[in-house]
Structures are given as structure tokens and as C-alpha cells.
Amino acid sequence: MRYSVDRTNRLERFIETVRDKPMPTGQASTDWLRANNFKDRRDKQFLEILELLDFVDSDMKPNQNWVSFQDKSKSTSLMSKILREKYSFLFDRYPDATNQSDANLEKIFVDRKFSEDQAGNAVETLKILLRFAGWM
């Protein structure tokens, strides 16, 4: 499972697109990314974030979580629930993970066999996602 992206500077805009723009009528794909101005070849990794967040089914088609995320009255609580679940290894270690230092969080990713660079990107990715859960 992908916990980090190389393009963290574009991740926030991507999550806003997922929340605010029409869902794909079929699969979330590179065509859908391009149609939403994510045209760089490295933007493809954002599709894996959709899988991490459980916004797509096994065929990469939007599911009920994506629909619920687009409802702004539900998006924050849904993201909070999903992040607690998908990052349970962090919250099990630090129940107050949202208040931990980057170094403490990076250590957990390194313990999970991430390189130091990957761990740094994973923490940056997490912090961006946490904003959509109302925690940052």
C-alpha cells in the first residue's frame, strides 16, 4: 500500500479535486487524471492514494466512500475515520500521532522498512491528508 507520494506539493490539490470535482463515470484512471489537469507521468501515483483511502473498489471505480467524501458535511469525519484505520500502526504507537514530531513519525515508517527519504515523504503525505480530517 502506498503511504507516500513524491509530489506532495500537488497532493493537496489532488484531494481537493477528488472532493470537489465530478467522479469518473468509470474507472479512476490516468485519463481521468489528465482531464483534471494531472498530466505529469508521476501524477499516476495519486491513483494509489485513492486505493489507500478506500475511495475506489478493486476495479478502480469510485465507491460509497468517494461519494460520502464529496459531501462536505461528511468529508472531515470520513477522512478522520479512514486515516485512523489505514494508519493504525501510527495511532497504536502514538494515540496523539497528530501531535507527534516529524522525527517520531518518520521513525515508525523507517521501522516498517521505508528508506529515510520515503519516510519523510510518507510523513508529508500523512500531514496533507490530516488537513482533510481537520487535524492540521
N, C-alpha and C. Protein backbone atom coordinates (compact mmCIF):
# COMPACT_ATOMS: atom_id res chain seq x y z
N MET A 1 0.85 -1.18 0.00
CA MET A 1 0.00 0.00 0.00
C MET A 1 0.89 1.24 0.00
N ARG A 2 0.54 2.20 -0.81
CA ARG A 2 1.33 3.43 -0.91
C ARG A 2 0.93 4.39 0.19
N TYR A 3 1.93 4.73 1.02
CA TYR A 3 1.69 5.71 2.09
C TYR A 3 2.35 7.05 1.78
N SER A 4 2.99 7.13 0.63
CA SER A 4 3.64 8.39 0.30
C SER A 4 3.60 8.63 -1.20
N VAL A 5 3.71 9.89 -1.54
CA VAL A 5 3.83 10.29 -2.93
C VAL A 5 5.04 11.19 -3.06
N ASP A 6 5.62 11.18 -4.25
CA ASP A 6 6.78 12.02 -4.50
C ASP A 6 6.38 13.47 -4.71
N ARG A 7 5.15 13.69 -5.09
CA ARG A 7 4.67 15.02 -5.45
C ARG A 7 3.76 15.57 -4.36
N THR A 8 4.25 15.65 -3.15
CA THR A 8 3.40 16.12 -2.05
C THR A 8 2.90 17.54 -2.30
N ASN A 9 3.66 18.31 -3.05
CA ASN A 9 3.23 19.69 -3.32
C ASN A 9 1.96 19.72 -4.17
N ARG A 10 1.62 18.62 -4.84
CA ARG A 10 0.42 18.56 -5.67
C ARG A 10 -0.69 17.72 -5.02
N LEU A 11 -0.36 17.04 -3.94
CA LEU A 11 -1.33 16.14 -3.32
C LEU A 11 -2.55 16.88 -2.79
N GLU A 12 -2.36 18.01 -2.18
CA GLU A 12 -3.50 18.76 -1.63
C GLU A 12 -4.48 19.12 -2.74
N ARG A 13 -3.97 19.58 -3.85
CA ARG A 13 -4.85 19.93 -4.98
C ARG A 13 -5.56 18.68 -5.50
N PHE A 14 -4.86 17.55 -5.50
CA PHE A 14 -5.49 16.31 -5.94
C PHE A 14 -6.67 15.93 -5.03
N ILE A 15 -6.46 15.97 -3.72
CA ILE A 15 -7.53 15.60 -2.78
C ILE A 15 -8.69 16.59 -2.91
N GLU A 16 -8.41 17.86 -3.12
CA GLU A 16 -9.48 18.83 -3.36
C GLU A 16 -10.26 18.48 -4.63
N THR A 17 -9.55 18.01 -5.65
CA THR A 17 -10.20 17.59 -6.90
C THR A 17 -11.12 16.41 -6.64
N VAL A 18 -10.64 15.44 -5.87
CA VAL A 18 -11.45 14.28 -5.53
C VAL A 18 -12.72 14.71 -4.79
N ARG A 19 -12.57 15.65 -3.91
CA ARG A 19 -13.71 16.12 -3.11
C ARG A 19 -14.67 16.99 -3.92
N ASP A 20 -14.12 17.84 -4.80
CA ASP A 20 -14.92 18.90 -5.38
C ASP A 20 -15.33 18.71 -6.85
N LYS A 21 -14.65 17.86 -7.56
CA LYS A 21 -14.94 17.69 -8.99
C LYS A 21 -15.75 16.42 -9.21
N PRO A 22 -16.42 16.31 -10.36
CA PRO A 22 -17.18 15.08 -10.64
C PRO A 22 -16.28 13.84 -10.63
N MET A 23 -16.83 12.78 -10.09
CA MET A 23 -16.13 11.50 -10.08
C MET A 23 -16.07 10.95 -11.50
N PRO A 24 -15.10 10.08 -11.76
CA PRO A 24 -15.10 9.44 -13.07
C PRO A 24 -16.36 8.58 -13.23
N THR A 25 -16.87 8.50 -14.44
CA THR A 25 -18.05 7.67 -14.67
C THR A 25 -17.69 6.19 -14.71
N GLY A 26 -16.46 5.91 -14.98
CA GLY A 26 -15.96 4.54 -14.97
C GLY A 26 -14.83 4.44 -13.97
N GLN A 27 -13.70 3.99 -14.44
CA GLN A 27 -12.54 3.84 -13.58
C GLN A 27 -11.83 5.17 -13.33
N ALA A 28 -11.25 5.28 -12.14
CA ALA A 28 -10.29 6.36 -11.89
C ALA A 28 -9.02 5.91 -12.61
N SER A 29 -8.60 6.68 -13.57
CA SER A 29 -7.50 6.27 -14.46
C SER A 29 -6.64 7.47 -14.80
N THR A 30 -5.59 7.20 -15.55
CA THR A 30 -4.74 8.30 -16.00
C THR A 30 -5.53 9.25 -16.90
N ASP A 31 -6.51 8.75 -17.63
CA ASP A 31 -7.35 9.63 -18.45
C ASP A 31 -8.12 10.60 -17.56
N TRP A 32 -8.68 10.09 -16.46
CA TRP A 32 -9.39 10.95 -15.52
C TRP A 32 -8.44 11.97 -14.89
N LEU A 33 -7.22 11.51 -14.56
CA LEU A 33 -6.23 12.44 -14.01
C LEU A 33 -5.95 13.56 -15.01
N ARG A 34 -5.67 13.18 -16.25
CA ARG A 34 -5.36 14.19 -17.28
C ARG A 34 -6.53 15.16 -17.47
N ALA A 35 -7.74 14.65 -17.44
CA ALA A 35 -8.92 15.51 -17.61
C ALA A 35 -9.04 16.52 -16.47
N ASN A 36 -8.38 16.23 -15.35
CA ASN A 36 -8.40 17.13 -14.20
C ASN A 36 -7.05 17.83 -13.99
N ASN A 37 -6.29 17.95 -15.07
CA ASN A 37 -5.02 18.67 -15.11
C ASN A 37 -3.91 18.03 -14.27
N PHE A 38 -3.94 16.73 -14.12
CA PHE A 38 -2.83 15.98 -13.52
C PHE A 38 -2.19 15.19 -14.65
N LYS A 39 -1.34 15.90 -15.41
CA LYS A 39 -0.83 15.38 -16.67
C LYS A 39 0.59 14.85 -16.59
N ASP A 40 1.28 15.10 -15.51
CA ASP A 40 2.64 14.61 -15.36
C ASP A 40 2.61 13.10 -15.14
N ARG A 41 3.57 12.39 -15.68
CA ARG A 41 3.59 10.93 -15.53
C ARG A 41 3.65 10.51 -14.07
N ARG A 42 4.25 11.34 -13.23
CA ARG A 42 4.35 11.00 -11.80
C ARG A 42 3.02 11.17 -11.06
N ASP A 43 2.07 11.85 -11.67
CA ASP A 43 0.77 12.03 -11.04
C ASP A 43 0.00 10.71 -10.93
N LYS A 44 0.41 9.71 -11.69
CA LYS A 44 -0.26 8.41 -11.64
C LYS A 44 -0.26 7.82 -10.22
N GLN A 45 0.74 8.18 -9.43
CA GLN A 45 0.80 7.65 -8.06
C GLN A 45 -0.39 8.10 -7.22
N PHE A 46 -1.07 9.16 -7.62
CA PHE A 46 -2.25 9.61 -6.89
C PHE A 46 -3.37 8.58 -6.94
N LEU A 47 -3.39 7.75 -7.98
CA LEU A 47 -4.39 6.70 -8.06
C LEU A 47 -4.22 5.71 -6.91
N GLU A 48 -3.00 5.49 -6.49
CA GLU A 48 -2.75 4.60 -5.36
C GLU A 48 -3.22 5.22 -4.05
N ILE A 49 -3.22 6.53 -3.97
CA ILE A 49 -3.76 7.20 -2.79
C ILE A 49 -5.27 6.97 -2.71
N LEU A 50 -5.93 6.92 -3.87
CA LEU A 50 -7.36 6.60 -3.88
C LEU A 50 -7.60 5.21 -3.30
N GLU A 51 -6.69 4.29 -3.60
CA GLU A 51 -6.79 2.93 -3.03
C GLU A 51 -6.53 2.95 -1.54
N LEU A 52 -5.50 3.68 -1.11
CA LEU A 52 -5.19 3.79 0.31
C LEU A 52 -6.40 4.32 1.08
N LEU A 53 -7.04 5.32 0.54
CA LEU A 53 -8.18 5.95 1.21
C LEU A 53 -9.48 5.16 1.02
N ASP A 54 -9.40 4.06 0.31
CA ASP A 54 -10.57 3.22 0.07
C ASP A 54 -11.69 4.02 -0.60
N PHE A 55 -11.32 4.83 -1.59
CA PHE A 55 -12.28 5.61 -2.35
C PHE A 55 -12.67 4.89 -3.65
N VAL A 56 -11.98 3.80 -3.97
CA VAL A 56 -12.25 3.04 -5.19
C VAL A 56 -12.35 1.56 -4.84
N ASP A 57 -13.07 0.83 -5.70
CA ASP A 57 -13.15 -0.62 -5.49
C ASP A 57 -11.96 -1.28 -6.19
N SER A 58 -11.95 -2.58 -6.23
CA SER A 58 -10.82 -3.31 -6.82
C SER A 58 -10.66 -3.05 -8.31
N ASP A 59 -11.71 -2.56 -8.96
CA ASP A 59 -11.65 -2.20 -10.38
C ASP A 59 -11.35 -0.72 -10.60
N MET A 60 -10.98 -0.03 -9.51
CA MET A 60 -10.67 1.40 -9.55
C MET A 60 -11.90 2.27 -9.86
N LYS A 61 -13.07 1.76 -9.56
CA LYS A 61 -14.29 2.55 -9.75
C LYS A 61 -14.65 3.21 -8.43
N PRO A 62 -15.10 4.46 -8.47
CA PRO A 62 -15.47 5.16 -7.24
C PRO A 62 -16.51 4.37 -6.44
N ASN A 63 -16.34 4.37 -5.13
CA ASN A 63 -17.28 3.66 -4.27
C ASN A 63 -17.99 4.65 -3.34
N GLN A 64 -18.72 4.11 -2.38
CA GLN A 64 -19.52 4.96 -1.48
C GLN A 64 -18.65 5.92 -0.66
N ASN A 65 -17.43 5.51 -0.31
CA ASN A 65 -16.56 6.42 0.44
C ASN A 65 -16.27 7.68 -0.37
N TRP A 66 -16.05 7.53 -1.67
CA TRP A 66 -15.79 8.70 -2.51
C TRP A 66 -17.04 9.58 -2.54
N VAL A 67 -18.19 8.96 -2.70
CA VAL A 67 -19.45 9.71 -2.72
C VAL A 67 -19.60 10.48 -1.40
N SER A 68 -19.36 9.81 -0.29
CA SER A 68 -19.50 10.46 1.02
C SER A 68 -18.48 11.57 1.21
N PHE A 69 -17.27 11.38 0.71
CA PHE A 69 -16.23 12.40 0.84
C PHE A 69 -16.63 13.68 0.11
N GLN A 70 -17.39 13.55 -0.94
CA GLN A 70 -17.82 14.73 -1.69
C GLN A 70 -18.92 15.51 -0.97
N ASP A 71 -19.51 14.92 0.04
CA ASP A 71 -20.49 15.62 0.86
C ASP A 71 -19.70 16.35 1.95
N LYS A 72 -19.58 17.65 1.82
CA LYS A 72 -18.71 18.41 2.73
C LYS A 72 -19.14 18.31 4.19
N SER A 73 -20.39 17.93 4.45
CA SER A 73 -20.81 17.75 5.84
C SER A 73 -20.28 16.43 6.42
N LYS A 74 -19.80 15.54 5.55
CA LYS A 74 -19.28 14.25 5.98
C LYS A 74 -17.79 14.07 5.73
N SER A 75 -17.21 14.90 4.88
CA SER A 75 -15.84 14.65 4.40
C SER A 75 -14.80 14.61 5.51
N THR A 76 -14.88 15.53 6.46
CA THR A 76 -13.88 15.57 7.53
C THR A 76 -13.96 14.34 8.42
N SER A 77 -15.15 13.98 8.84
CA SER A 77 -15.28 12.82 9.72
C SER A 77 -14.94 11.53 8.99
N LEU A 78 -15.30 11.44 7.72
CA LEU A 78 -14.95 10.25 6.94
C LEU A 78 -13.43 10.12 6.82
N MET A 79 -12.76 11.23 6.48
CA MET A 79 -11.30 11.18 6.34
C MET A 79 -10.66 10.81 7.67
N SER A 80 -11.16 11.34 8.74
CA SER A 80 -10.64 11.01 10.06
C SER A 80 -10.75 9.51 10.33
N LYS A 81 -11.90 8.96 10.07
CA LYS A 81 -12.13 7.52 10.28
C LYS A 81 -11.19 6.68 9.42
N ILE A 82 -11.08 7.03 8.16
CA ILE A 82 -10.23 6.27 7.23
C ILE A 82 -8.76 6.35 7.66
N LEU A 83 -8.30 7.54 8.03
CA LEU A 83 -6.89 7.67 8.41
C LEU A 83 -6.59 6.90 9.69
N ARG A 84 -7.49 6.93 10.65
CA ARG A 84 -7.28 6.14 11.87
C ARG A 84 -7.17 4.66 11.55
N GLU A 85 -7.91 4.22 10.58
CA GLU A 85 -7.90 2.81 10.18
C GLU A 85 -6.65 2.48 9.37
N LYS A 86 -6.37 3.25 8.34
CA LYS A 86 -5.27 2.95 7.43
C LYS A 86 -3.90 3.21 8.05
N TYR A 87 -3.85 4.11 9.01
CA TYR A 87 -2.60 4.42 9.70
C TYR A 87 -2.66 3.92 11.14
N SER A 88 -3.34 2.82 11.36
CA SER A 88 -3.49 2.30 12.72
C SER A 88 -2.14 2.00 13.37
N PHE A 89 -1.15 1.61 12.56
CA PHE A 89 0.18 1.35 13.11
C PHE A 89 0.78 2.60 13.74
N LEU A 90 0.41 3.78 13.28
CA LEU A 90 0.87 5.03 13.89
C LEU A 90 0.06 5.35 15.14
N PHE A 91 -1.26 5.25 15.01
CA PHE A 91 -2.14 5.61 16.13
C PHE A 91 -2.04 4.59 17.27
N ASP A 92 -1.68 3.34 16.96
CA ASP A 92 -1.46 2.36 18.02
C ASP A 92 -0.23 2.74 18.84
N ARG A 93 0.77 3.21 18.16
CA ARG A 93 2.01 3.60 18.84
C ARG A 93 1.87 4.95 19.53
N TYR A 94 1.26 5.88 18.83
CA TYR A 94 1.06 7.23 19.36
C TYR A 94 -0.42 7.61 19.19
N PRO A 95 -1.23 7.42 20.21
CA PRO A 95 -2.64 7.81 20.10
C PRO A 95 -2.80 9.28 19.72
N ASP A 96 -1.80 10.09 20.06
CA ASP A 96 -1.81 11.50 19.68
C ASP A 96 -0.88 11.74 18.48
N ALA A 97 -0.90 10.82 17.53
CA ALA A 97 0.01 10.88 16.37
C ALA A 97 -0.03 12.23 15.67
N THR A 98 -1.16 12.88 15.69
CA THR A 98 -1.28 14.16 15.00
C THR A 98 -0.46 15.26 15.69
N ASN A 99 -0.04 15.02 16.92
CA ASN A 99 0.76 16.00 17.66
C ASN A 99 2.23 15.59 17.78
N GLN A 100 2.59 14.48 17.17
CA GLN A 100 3.96 14.00 17.26
C GLN A 100 4.87 14.75 16.29
N SER A 101 6.15 14.75 16.62
CA SER A 101 7.13 15.39 15.74
C SER A 101 7.30 14.57 14.46
N ASP A 102 7.76 15.24 13.43
CA ASP A 102 8.06 14.53 12.19
C ASP A 102 9.05 13.41 12.44
N ALA A 103 10.05 13.65 13.27
CA ALA A 103 11.08 12.64 13.55
C ALA A 103 10.46 11.38 14.17
N ASN A 104 9.54 11.55 15.11
CA ASN A 104 8.88 10.39 15.72
C ASN A 104 8.07 9.61 14.70
N LEU A 105 7.36 10.32 13.84
CA LEU A 105 6.55 9.66 12.83
C LEU A 105 7.43 8.99 11.78
N GLU A 106 8.49 9.67 11.38
CA GLU A 106 9.40 9.08 10.39
C GLU A 106 10.01 7.79 10.92
N LYS A 107 10.32 7.74 12.21
CA LYS A 107 10.91 6.54 12.82
C LYS A 107 9.99 5.34 12.64
N ILE A 108 8.70 5.56 12.78
CA ILE A 108 7.75 4.46 12.61
C ILE A 108 7.78 3.93 11.18
N PHE A 109 7.86 4.84 10.21
CA PHE A 109 7.93 4.40 8.81
C PHE A 109 9.27 3.69 8.53
N VAL A 110 10.35 4.19 9.09
CA VAL A 110 11.65 3.53 8.92
C VAL A 110 11.59 2.12 9.52
N ASP A 111 10.94 2.00 10.68
CA ASP A 111 10.77 0.68 11.29
C ASP A 111 9.97 -0.26 10.40
N ARG A 112 9.17 0.30 9.52
CA ARG A 112 8.37 -0.50 8.57
C ARG A 112 9.11 -0.68 7.25
N LYS A 113 10.40 -0.45 7.27
CA LYS A 113 11.28 -0.69 6.12
C LYS A 113 11.22 0.36 5.02
N PHE A 114 10.83 1.58 5.38
CA PHE A 114 10.90 2.69 4.44
C PHE A 114 12.32 3.27 4.53
N SER A 115 12.84 3.75 3.41
CA SER A 115 14.10 4.49 3.47
C SER A 115 13.83 5.81 4.18
N GLU A 116 14.88 6.51 4.56
CA GLU A 116 14.67 7.80 5.24
C GLU A 116 13.94 8.79 4.34
N ASP A 117 14.28 8.82 3.04
CA ASP A 117 13.58 9.71 2.12
C ASP A 117 12.11 9.33 1.99
N GLN A 118 11.85 8.04 1.86
CA GLN A 118 10.47 7.57 1.77
C GLN A 118 9.70 7.89 3.04
N ALA A 119 10.35 7.73 4.18
CA ALA A 119 9.69 8.03 5.46
C ALA A 119 9.33 9.51 5.54
N GLY A 120 10.22 10.37 5.09
CA GLY A 120 9.93 11.81 5.08
C GLY A 120 8.75 12.13 4.18
N ASN A 121 8.72 11.52 2.99
CA ASN A 121 7.58 11.73 2.09
C ASN A 121 6.29 11.17 2.68
N ALA A 122 6.40 10.04 3.37
CA ALA A 122 5.21 9.44 3.99
C ALA A 122 4.62 10.37 5.06
N VAL A 123 5.49 11.00 5.83
CA VAL A 123 5.01 11.94 6.86
C VAL A 123 4.40 13.18 6.20
N GLU A 124 5.02 13.68 5.15
CA GLU A 124 4.45 14.83 4.44
C GLU A 124 3.09 14.47 3.85
N THR A 125 2.99 13.27 3.26
CA THR A 125 1.73 12.81 2.70
C THR A 125 0.67 12.72 3.79
N LEU A 126 1.02 12.12 4.91
CA LEU A 126 0.09 11.99 6.03
C LEU A 126 -0.39 13.36 6.49
N LYS A 127 0.51 14.30 6.65
CA LYS A 127 0.12 15.62 7.15
C LYS A 127 -0.86 16.32 6.21
N ILE A 128 -0.67 16.13 4.91
CA ILE A 128 -1.62 16.71 3.96
C ILE A 128 -2.98 16.05 4.12
N LEU A 129 -3.00 14.74 4.25
CA LEU A 129 -4.26 14.03 4.43
C LEU A 129 -4.93 14.41 5.74
N LEU A 130 -4.12 14.62 6.78
CA LEU A 130 -4.67 15.02 8.08
C LEU A 130 -5.41 16.35 8.02
N ARG A 131 -4.99 17.24 7.13
CA ARG A 131 -5.69 18.52 6.98
C ARG A 131 -7.15 18.29 6.56
N PHE A 132 -7.36 17.26 5.75
CA PHE A 132 -8.71 16.98 5.27
C PHE A 132 -9.53 16.25 6.34
N ALA A 133 -8.86 15.82 7.40
CA ALA A 133 -9.55 15.22 8.56
C ALA A 133 -9.75 16.25 9.66
N GLY A 134 -9.32 17.49 9.38
CA GLY A 134 -9.47 18.56 10.37
C GLY A 134 -8.47 18.51 11.49
N TRP A 135 -7.38 17.77 11.32
CA TRP A 135 -6.40 17.62 12.39
C TRP A 135 -5.17 18.52 12.24
N MET A 136 -5.03 19.19 11.15
CA MET A 136 -3.83 20.02 10.96
C MET A 136 -4.27 21.43 10.60
